[in-house]
Protein backbone atom coordinates (compact mmCIF):
# COMPACT_ATOMS: atom_id res chain seq x y z
CA UNK A 1 67.46 128.84 -142.24
CA UNK A 2 66.50 130.74 -139.13
CA UNK A 3 68.10 130.05 -135.76
CA UNK A 4 65.84 128.69 -133.05
CA UNK A 5 66.16 131.44 -130.49
CA UNK A 6 65.41 129.21 -127.50
CA UNK A 7 68.15 126.82 -128.52
CA UNK A 8 70.59 129.73 -129.10
CA UNK A 9 70.10 130.79 -125.52
CA UNK A 10 70.64 127.33 -124.10
CA UNK A 11 73.50 125.85 -126.15
CA UNK A 12 76.97 126.98 -127.21
CA UNK A 13 79.31 125.49 -129.82
CA UNK A 14 82.98 125.20 -128.92
CA UNK A 15 85.78 125.77 -131.33
CA UNK A 16 86.21 122.08 -131.85
CA UNK A 17 82.49 121.70 -132.68
CA UNK A 18 81.23 120.22 -129.41
CA UNK A 19 77.76 121.35 -128.22
CA UNK A 20 77.84 122.53 -124.60
CA UNK A 21 74.86 122.93 -122.27
CA UNK A 22 74.17 124.07 -118.70
CA UNK A 23 73.75 121.33 -116.12
CA UNK A 24 70.39 120.63 -114.39
CA UNK A 25 69.75 120.97 -110.63
CA UNK A 26 71.18 124.45 -110.21
CA UNK A 27 67.95 126.50 -110.53
CA UNK A 28 66.42 126.35 -106.99
CA UNK A 29 66.52 124.48 -103.66
CA UNK A 30 70.28 125.29 -103.40
CA UNK A 31 70.40 125.46 -99.60
CA UNK A 32 70.38 121.69 -99.18
CA UNK A 33 73.16 121.18 -101.78
CA UNK A 34 76.72 121.20 -100.68
CA UNK A 35 79.09 123.93 -101.92
CA UNK A 36 81.12 121.35 -103.75
CA UNK A 37 78.01 120.05 -105.59
CA UNK A 38 76.94 123.55 -106.55
CA UNK A 39 80.41 124.36 -107.80
CA UNK A 40 80.45 121.29 -110.02
CA UNK A 41 76.95 122.03 -111.24
CA UNK A 42 78.13 125.49 -112.28
CA UNK A 43 80.34 124.00 -115.03
CA UNK A 44 79.01 123.29 -118.51
CA UNK A 45 78.81 119.78 -119.91
CA UNK A 46 78.82 118.38 -123.38
CA UNK A 47 75.54 117.36 -124.98
CA UNK A 48 75.10 113.65 -125.75
CA UNK A 49 76.19 112.93 -129.37
CA UNK A 50 72.71 111.55 -130.07
CA UNK A 51 71.21 114.96 -129.41
CA UNK A 52 73.95 117.13 -131.01
CA UNK A 53 72.65 116.73 -134.66
CA UNK A 54 69.18 118.01 -133.75
CA UNK A 55 70.56 120.89 -131.65
CA UNK A 56 72.97 121.95 -134.41
CA UNK A 57 70.11 121.96 -136.89
CA UNK A 58 68.12 124.14 -134.56
CA UNK A 59 71.08 126.49 -134.25
CA UNK A 60 71.20 126.75 -138.05
CA UNK A 61 74.74 125.50 -138.47
CA UNK A 62 76.27 122.88 -140.62
CA UNK A 63 76.15 119.54 -138.86
CA UNK A 64 79.64 118.64 -137.69
CA UNK A 65 78.87 115.93 -135.17
CA UNK A 66 77.96 113.53 -137.98
CA UNK A 67 81.60 113.85 -139.05
CA UNK A 68 82.63 112.99 -135.42
CA UNK A 69 80.38 109.92 -135.47
CA UNK A 70 81.82 108.88 -138.86
CA UNK A 71 85.35 109.35 -137.55
CA UNK A 72 84.49 107.20 -134.50
CA UNK A 73 83.11 104.43 -136.68
CA UNK A 74 86.21 104.53 -138.88
CA UNK A 75 88.50 104.37 -135.86
CA UNK A 76 86.55 101.32 -134.56
CA UNK A 77 86.75 99.65 -137.96
CA UNK A 78 90.65 100.18 -138.09
CA UNK A 79 90.89 98.79 -134.54
CA UNK A 80 88.85 95.73 -135.55
CA UNK A 81 91.11 95.17 -138.58
CA UNK A 82 94.24 95.26 -136.35
CA UNK A 83 92.76 92.73 -134.00
CA UNK A 84 92.03 90.35 -136.91
CA UNK A 85 95.73 90.37 -138.03
């Protein structure tokens, strides 16, 4: 499967499998934004888990976020079982 070159330029995968992206509102009209706001916008942020499967498919990598979602559901199920006891 070929990598979607546009996605490859916009997203990065961390060692733990999270999909990171650049934040919006840092491209232009920066004079009216405070230095603190611009500093915080310079940081990367994690992609929403709902979008990560689609992005990972575009990057041509094995989908790992499904495993994260499954782990989250299992954790919630264990928590619910403990509350029932």
